Every structure is written in structure tokens, then in C-alpha cells.
């Protein structure tokens, strides 16, 4: 019931907005009726319910856990790369002292594994996701804290503005991810086309 969906024409506005979004999709995801209604609220949400079920859930159950997960993964990859570099250096030193071919061969193997790890890290975009999700989580917390500090007499007036800001913050992150993914897909498609021609 937040603006612009707080009037009698809310259903018409929502239907129009939905058509505008889905009209641009070539292959919309097919959902069953049960999936379509799975997480929809059963009744109108108060602002407190909205913050609890929408904002807090996004922060505590999506953005923050992903930041922690990707940070752990990136740390593990970097530590593995460090140990491989140390092993490569030791084997390289051994190869110069001992007159045998096997240490040098292993240096090449370790170099290949290190290159694969670097490519995996780049493809996973872990640092980008950590930065992006951290920023979105921080923005949502700022908005939520701003709402809590707002005097009660101002809350009724600014409710729609705050809801819009919350949704736009989440939307910006989604659009950024989609734009990045779309560009990567187009680049791969173009590269494949150029390779064929």
C-alpha cells in the first residue's frame, strides 16, 4: 500500500508495471501456481513487517551470507596459490642444485595449476561480488537505521519514499548483476561468432 500503489487504482498500476517488465523478456521463467504464490504475503504488510520480511531477510539471509561465503572461498584460493608459489620456488631451487629433470617438470605443473586457479578466481568474480553485495547490504542497513531514527509523525508521510528507496537499492544490485552477466554472455557469443567466421 505504499505509493504509487496506495490508491484505488493499485491493481491496474501493478498489472501495467508487470506487463512492462515481462514484455521485455524473451524467455520468462515458467512457474507453477504454487511457486508463484510461495513467498507472497497473505495480507497487507505494515512497515515493520516489510522491514522484517523483506529488508532484514535480504540483508541477513542473502547479502551478508554471500559476502562471508565468497570471502572464505577467495581466501582459500589465495592461500592455495601462495602455497603453490612457495612449492614452485622450492622445486625450482632444487632443480638448479640436483641434476635431474623431475623438479623442473613439477614446476611446470604447478605453474599450470596456478594459472587455472587464477582463471577460476577471475571467472567467479568473487572480489566483485564481495564488494557489490557488501555495498548493497550497507545501503540497506543505512536506510533501515534512517527509518528507525525518523520521528513517528514523519513516518506516515515518508513511508512510500522509504519503501521505494529500499526496493531501488535491491533493484540496482540486480540490474548491475544482470548487466554484467549479459555483457559477458554477449562477449562470449561475439567471440564464438568471430572464431567461426
C-alpha atoms as a PDB file:
ATOM      1  CA  UNK A   1       0.000   0.000   0.000  1.00  0.00           C
ATOM      2  CA  UNK A   2       2.988   2.290  -0.435  1.00  0.00           C
ATOM      3  CA  UNK A   3       2.914   4.855  -3.259  1.00  0.00           C
ATOM      4  CA  UNK A   4       2.268   4.559  -6.128  1.00  0.00           C
ATOM      5  CA  UNK A   5       0.172   1.545  -5.095  1.00  0.00           C
ATOM      6  CA  UNK A   6      -1.765   3.245  -2.311  1.00  0.00           C
ATOM      7  CA  UNK A   7      -4.818   4.304  -4.315  1.00  0.00           C
ATOM      8  CA  UNK A   8      -7.912   2.532  -5.648  1.00  0.00           C
ATOM      9  CA  UNK A   9      -6.141   2.010  -8.991  1.00  0.00           C
ATOM     10  CA  UNK A  10      -3.321  -0.044  -7.400  1.00  0.00           C
ATOM     11  CA  UNK A  11      -4.309  -3.254  -9.237  1.00  0.00           C
ATOM     12  CA  UNK A  12      -4.292  -1.533 -12.633  1.00  0.00           C
ATOM     13  CA  UNK A  13      -0.918   0.115 -11.926  1.00  0.00           C
ATOM     14  CA  UNK A  14       0.601  -3.161 -10.771  1.00  0.00           C
ATOM     15  CA  UNK A  15      -0.742  -5.014 -13.832  1.00  0.00           C
ATOM     16  CA  UNK A  16       0.709  -2.336 -16.129  1.00  0.00           C
ATOM     17  CA  UNK A  17       4.088  -2.456 -14.366  1.00  0.00           C
ATOM     18  CA  UNK A  18       4.155  -6.250 -14.588  1.00  0.00           C
ATOM     19  CA  UNK A  19       3.358  -6.186 -18.312  1.00  0.00           C
ATOM     20  CA  UNK A  20       6.116  -3.623 -18.917  1.00  0.00           C
ATOM     21  CA  UNK A  21       8.663  -5.846 -17.153  1.00  0.00           C
ATOM     22  CA  UNK A  22       7.604  -9.168 -18.659  1.00  0.00           C
ATOM     23  CA  UNK A  23       7.100  -7.649 -22.105  1.00  0.00           C
ATOM     24  CA  UNK A  24      10.874  -7.185 -22.450  1.00  0.00           C
ATOM     25  CA  UNK A  25      11.708 -10.782 -21.540  1.00  0.00           C
ATOM     26  CA  UNK A  26      12.270 -13.206 -24.394  1.00  0.00           C
ATOM     27  CA  UNK A  27      12.162 -16.314 -22.207  1.00  0.00           C
ATOM     28  CA  UNK A  28      10.381 -15.601 -18.909  1.00  0.00           C
ATOM     29  CA  UNK A  29      10.792 -18.283 -16.260  1.00  0.00           C
ATOM     30  CA  UNK A  30       7.845 -20.689 -16.205  1.00  0.00           C
ATOM     31  CA  UNK A  31       6.496 -21.103 -12.673  1.00  0.00           C
ATOM     32  CA  UNK A  32       3.723 -23.288 -11.302  1.00  0.00           C
ATOM     33  CA  UNK A  33       0.839 -21.614  -9.442  1.00  0.00           C
ATOM     34  CA  UNK A  34       2.326 -22.882  -6.193  1.00  0.00           C
ATOM     35  CA  UNK A  35       5.727 -21.325  -6.992  1.00  0.00           C
ATOM     36  CA  UNK A  36       4.101 -18.019  -7.968  1.00  0.00           C
ATOM     37  CA  UNK A  37       2.436 -17.714  -4.559  1.00  0.00           C
ATOM     38  CA  UNK A  38       5.166 -19.344  -2.457  1.00  0.00           C
ATOM     39  CA  UNK A  39       6.599 -16.222  -0.781  1.00  0.00           C
ATOM     40  CA  UNK A  40       3.781 -13.762  -1.324  1.00  0.00           C
ATOM     41  CA  UNK A  41       2.347 -12.234   1.864  1.00  0.00           C
ATOM     42  CA  UNK A  42      -1.158 -13.339   2.751  1.00  0.00           C
ATOM     43  CA  UNK A  43      -2.292  -9.844   3.721  1.00  0.00           C
ATOM     44  CA  UNK A  44      -1.124  -6.207   3.636  1.00  0.00           C
ATOM     45  CA  UNK A  45       2.233  -5.678   5.305  1.00  0.00           C
ATOM     46  CA  UNK A  46       2.883  -2.995   7.876  1.00  0.00           C
ATOM     47  CA  UNK A  47       6.190  -1.167   7.503  1.00  0.00           C
ATOM     48  CA  UNK A  48       7.572  -3.223  10.421  1.00  0.00           C
ATOM     49  CA  UNK A  49       6.512  -6.450   8.686  1.00  0.00           C
ATOM     50  CA  UNK A  50       8.023  -5.184   5.440  1.00  0.00           C
ATOM     51  CA  UNK A  51      11.357  -4.440   7.097  1.00  0.00           C
ATOM     52  CA  UNK A  52      11.350  -7.820   8.859  1.00  0.00           C
ATOM     53  CA  UNK A  53      10.334  -9.979   5.884  1.00  0.00           C
ATOM     54  CA  UNK A  54      11.866  -8.037   3.025  1.00  0.00           C
ATOM     55  CA  UNK A  55      14.751  -5.821   4.134  1.00  0.00           C
ATOM     56  CA  UNK A  56      16.127  -7.897   7.022  1.00  0.00           C
ATOM     57  CA  UNK A  57      15.762 -11.102   5.035  1.00  0.00           C
ATOM     58  CA  UNK A  58      17.739  -9.630   2.135  1.00  0.00           C
ATOM     59  CA  UNK A  59      20.488  -8.430   4.488  1.00  0.00           C
ATOM     60  CA  UNK A  60      20.693 -11.400   6.870  1.00  0.00           C
ATOM     61  CA  UNK A  61      19.794 -14.316   4.592  1.00  0.00           C
ATOM     62  CA  UNK A  62      21.206 -13.249   1.232  1.00  0.00           C
ATOM     63  CA  UNK A  63      23.762 -10.429   1.046  1.00  0.00           C
ATOM     64  CA  UNK A  64      25.688 -10.976   4.296  1.00  0.00           C
ATOM     65  CA  UNK A  65      25.904 -14.800   3.974  1.00  0.00           C
ATOM     66  CA  UNK A  66      27.079 -14.459   0.357  1.00  0.00           C
ATOM     67  CA  UNK A  67      29.762 -11.942   1.361  1.00  0.00           C
ATOM     68  CA  UNK A  68      31.031 -14.356   4.030  1.00  0.00           C
ATOM     69  CA  UNK A  69      30.882 -17.339   1.662  1.00  0.00           C
ATOM     70  CA  UNK A  70      32.723 -15.594  -1.185  1.00  0.00           C
ATOM     71  CA  UNK A  71      35.284 -14.106   1.212  1.00  0.00           C
ATOM     72  CA  UNK A  72      36.090 -17.597   2.545  1.00  0.00           C
ATOM     73  CA  UNK A  73      36.321 -19.004  -0.980  1.00  0.00           C
ATOM     74  CA  UNK A  74      38.578 -16.194  -2.176  1.00  0.00           C
ATOM     75  CA  UNK A  75      40.806 -16.564   0.893  1.00  0.00           C
ATOM     76  CA  UNK A  76      41.133 -20.318   0.328  1.00  0.00           C
ATOM     77  CA  UNK A  77      42.043 -19.796  -3.339  1.00  0.00           C
ATOM     78  CA  UNK A  78      44.640 -17.149  -2.460  1.00  0.00           C
ATOM     79  CA  UNK A  79      46.171 -19.343   0.257  1.00  0.00           C
ATOM     80  CA  UNK A  80      46.343 -22.271  -2.162  1.00  0.00           C
ATOM     81  CA  UNK A  81      48.008 -20.032  -4.750  1.00  0.00           C
ATOM     82  CA  UNK A  82      50.532 -18.849  -2.144  1.00  0.00           C
ATOM     83  CA  UNK A  83      51.475 -22.404  -1.151  1.00  0.00           C
ATOM     84  CA  UNK A  84      51.768 -23.403  -4.811  1.00  0.00           C
ATOM     85  CA  UNK A  85      54.086 -20.435  -5.426  1.00  0.00           C
ATOM     86  CA  UNK A  86      56.241 -21.470  -2.455  1.00  0.00           C
ATOM     87  CA  UNK A  87      56.315 -25.087  -3.675  1.00  0.00           C
ATOM     88  CA  UNK A  88      57.260 -23.912  -7.173  1.00  0.00           C
ATOM     89  CA  UNK A  89      60.094 -21.773  -5.806  1.00  0.00           C
ATOM     90  CA  UNK A  90      61.427 -24.645  -3.679  1.00  0.00           C
ATOM     91  CA  UNK A  91      61.275 -27.078  -6.604  1.00  0.00           C
ATOM     92  CA  UNK A  92      62.939 -24.501  -8.853  1.00  0.00           C
ATOM     93  CA  UNK A  93      65.788 -24.180  -6.343  1.00  0.00           C
ATOM     94  CA  UNK A  94      66.063 -27.963  -6.077  1.00  0.00           C
ATOM     95  CA  UNK A  95      66.181 -28.248  -9.888  1.00  0.00           C
ATOM     96  CA  UNK A  96      69.215 -25.942 -10.019  1.00  0.00           C
ATOM     97  CA  UNK A  97      71.085 -27.982  -7.385  1.00  0.00           C
ATOM     98  CA  UNK A  98      70.181 -31.555  -8.345  1.00  0.00           C
ATOM     99  CA  UNK A  99      70.971 -32.794 -11.817  1.00  0.00           C
ATOM    100  CA  UNK A 100      67.599 -34.395 -12.516  1.00  0.00           C
ATOM    101  CA  UNK A 101      64.542 -33.433 -14.605  1.00  0.00           C
ATOM    102  CA  UNK A 102      61.641 -34.205 -12.279  1.00  0.00           C
ATOM    103  CA  UNK A 103      61.742 -30.966 -10.160  1.00  0.00           C
ATOM    104  CA  UNK A 104      61.637 -28.797 -13.279  1.00  0.00           C
ATOM    105  CA  UNK A 105      58.720 -30.827 -14.624  1.00  0.00           C
ATOM    106  CA  UNK A 106      56.797 -30.257 -11.412  1.00  0.00           C
ATOM    107  CA  UNK A 107      57.494 -26.512 -11.601  1.00  0.00           C
ATOM    108  CA  UNK A 108      55.668 -26.510 -14.955  1.00  0.00           C
ATOM    109  CA  UNK A 109      52.756 -28.497 -13.471  1.00  0.00           C
ATOM    110  CA  UNK A 110      52.475 -26.112 -10.524  1.00  0.00           C
ATOM    111  CA  UNK A 111      52.540 -23.157 -12.926  1.00  0.00           C
ATOM    112  CA  UNK A 112      49.649 -24.668 -14.868  1.00  0.00           C
ATOM    113  CA  UNK A 113      47.637 -25.281 -11.686  1.00  0.00           C
ATOM    114  CA  UNK A 114      48.310 -21.715 -10.511  1.00  0.00           C
ATOM    115  CA  UNK A 115      47.127 -20.358 -13.863  1.00  0.00           C
ATOM    116  CA  UNK A 116      43.963 -22.448 -13.603  1.00  0.00           C
ATOM    117  CA  UNK A 117      43.302 -21.091 -10.102  1.00  0.00           C
ATOM    118  CA  UNK A 118      43.756 -17.523 -11.330  1.00  0.00           C
ATOM    119  CA  UNK A 119      41.338 -18.144 -14.210  1.00  0.00           C
ATOM    120  CA  UNK A 120      38.830 -19.757 -11.834  1.00  0.00           C
ATOM    121  CA  UNK A 121      39.033 -16.758  -9.472  1.00  0.00           C
ATOM    122  CA  UNK A 122      38.550 -14.318 -12.349  1.00  0.00           C
ATOM    123  CA  UNK A 123      35.622 -16.282 -13.792  1.00  0.00           C
ATOM    124  CA  UNK A 124      33.964 -16.472 -10.373  1.00  0.00           C
ATOM    125  CA  UNK A 125      34.219 -12.678  -9.954  1.00  0.00           C
ATOM    126  CA  UNK A 126      34.483 -13.228  -6.197  1.00  0.00           C
ATOM    127  CA  UNK A 127      36.011  -9.853  -5.353  1.00  0.00           C
ATOM    128  CA  UNK A 128      33.419  -8.044  -7.487  1.00  0.00           C
ATOM    129  CA  UNK A 129      30.565  -9.896  -5.767  1.00  0.00           C
ATOM    130  CA  UNK A 130      32.027  -9.303  -2.306  1.00  0.00           C
ATOM    131  CA  UNK A 131      32.292  -5.559  -2.964  1.00  0.00           C
ATOM    132  CA  UNK A 132      28.887  -5.310  -4.640  1.00  0.00           C
ATOM    133  CA  UNK A 133      26.975  -7.324  -2.020  1.00  0.00           C
ATOM    134  CA  UNK A 134      28.741  -5.543   0.858  1.00  0.00           C
ATOM    135  CA  UNK A 135      27.775  -2.158  -0.552  1.00  0.00           C
ATOM    136  CA  UNK A 136      24.137  -3.176  -1.068  1.00  0.00           C
ATOM    137  CA  UNK A 137      23.911  -4.619   2.443  1.00  0.00           C
ATOM    138  CA  UNK A 138      25.425  -1.445   3.895  1.00  0.00           C
ATOM    139  CA  UNK A 139      22.980   0.749   1.964  1.00  0.00           C
ATOM    140  CA  UNK A 140      20.020  -1.314   3.176  1.00  0.00           C
ATOM    141  CA  UNK A 141      21.246  -1.013   6.766  1.00  0.00           C
ATOM    142  CA  UNK A 142      21.611   2.767   6.403  1.00  0.00           C
ATOM    143  CA  UNK A 143      18.073   3.050   5.050  1.00  0.00           C
ATOM    144  CA  UNK A 144      16.680   0.838   7.796  1.00  0.00           C
ATOM    145  CA  UNK A 145      18.523   2.792  10.501  1.00  0.00           C
ATOM    146  CA  UNK A 146      17.316   6.054   8.963  1.00  0.00           C
ATOM    147  CA  UNK A 147      13.750   4.803   9.177  1.00  0.00           C
ATOM    148  CA  UNK A 148      14.147   3.763  12.822  1.00  0.00           C
ATOM    149  CA  UNK A 149      15.515   7.209  13.758  1.00  0.00           C
ATOM    150  CA  UNK A 150      12.738   9.057  11.935  1.00  0.00           C
ATOM    151  CA  UNK A 151      10.191  10.753  14.277  1.00  0.00           C
ATOM    152  CA  UNK A 152       6.868   8.882  14.377  1.00  0.00           C
ATOM    153  CA  UNK A 153       4.938  11.830  12.947  1.00  0.00           C
ATOM    154  CA  UNK A 154       7.189  11.749   9.855  1.00  0.00           C
ATOM    155  CA  UNK A 155       6.871   8.015   9.216  1.00  0.00           C
ATOM    156  CA  UNK A 156       3.345   8.117   7.789  1.00  0.00           C
ATOM    157  CA  UNK A 157       4.371  10.880   5.383  1.00  0.00           C
ATOM    158  CA  UNK A 158       7.631   9.270   4.243  1.00  0.00           C
ATOM    159  CA  UNK A 159       6.604   5.590   4.238  1.00  0.00           C
ATOM    160  CA  UNK A 160       6.278   5.399   0.454  1.00  0.00           C
ATOM    161  CA  UNK A 161       9.602   7.151  -0.060  1.00  0.00           C
ATOM    162  CA  UNK A 162      11.424   4.703   2.196  1.00  0.00           C
ATOM    163  CA  UNK A 163       9.853   1.622   0.603  1.00  0.00           C
ATOM    164  CA  UNK A 164      10.791   2.962  -2.818  1.00  0.00           C
ATOM    165  CA  UNK A 165      14.389   3.536  -1.680  1.00  0.00           C
ATOM    166  CA  UNK A 166      14.613   0.014  -0.238  1.00  0.00           C
ATOM    167  CA  UNK A 167      13.344  -1.548  -3.468  1.00  0.00           C
ATOM    168  CA  UNK A 168      15.515   0.654  -5.680  1.00  0.00           C
ATOM    169  CA  UNK A 169      18.617  -0.339  -3.706  1.00  0.00           C
ATOM    170  CA  UNK A 170      17.877  -4.030  -4.272  1.00  0.00           C
ATOM    171  CA  UNK A 171      16.924  -3.340  -7.882  1.00  0.00           C
ATOM    172  CA  UNK A 172      20.206  -1.510  -8.597  1.00  0.00           C
ATOM    173  CA  UNK A 173      22.167  -4.557  -7.415  1.00  0.00           C
ATOM    174  CA  UNK A 174      20.029  -6.888  -9.544  1.00  0.00           C
ATOM    175  CA  UNK A 175      20.368  -4.671 -12.627  1.00  0.00           C
ATOM    176  CA  UNK A 176      24.123  -4.406 -12.121  1.00  0.00           C
ATOM    177  CA  UNK A 177      24.437  -8.202 -11.922  1.00  0.00           C
ATOM    178  CA  UNK A 178      22.182  -8.705 -14.971  1.00  0.00           C
ATOM    179  CA  UNK A 179      24.110  -6.088 -16.983  1.00  0.00           C
ATOM    180  CA  UNK A 180      27.437  -7.754 -16.127  1.00  0.00           C
ATOM    181  CA  UNK A 181      26.099 -11.227 -16.917  1.00  0.00           C
ATOM    182  CA  UNK A 182      24.502 -10.038 -20.185  1.00  0.00           C
ATOM    183  CA  UNK A 183      27.727  -8.329 -21.300  1.00  0.00           C
ATOM    184  CA  UNK A 184      29.773 -11.460 -20.555  1.00  0.00           C
ATOM    185  CA  UNK A 185      27.266 -13.602 -22.473  1.00  0.00           C
ATOM    186  CA  UNK A 186      27.325 -11.222 -25.450  1.00  0.00           C
ATOM    187  CA  UNK A 187      31.147 -11.099 -25.405  1.00  0.00           C
ATOM    188  CA  UNK A 188      31.343 -14.897 -25.433  1.00  0.00           C
ATOM    189  CA  UNK A 189      28.786 -15.089 -28.232  1.00  0.00           C
ATOM    190  CA  UNK A 190      30.696 -12.497 -30.274  1.00  0.00           C
ATOM    191  CA  UNK A 191      33.991 -14.304 -29.678  1.00  0.00           C
ATOM    192  CA  UNK A 192      32.442 -17.595 -30.785  1.00  0.00           C
ATOM    193  CA  UNK A 193      30.998 -15.937 -33.916  1.00  0.00           C
ATOM    194  CA  UNK A 194      34.354 -14.358 -34.789  1.00  0.00           C
ATOM    195  CA  UNK A 195      36.099 -17.692 -34.265  1.00  0.00           C
ATOM    196  CA  UNK A 196      33.678 -19.456 -36.632  1.00  0.00           C
ATOM    197  CA  UNK A 197      33.944 -16.777 -39.329  1.00  0.00           C
END
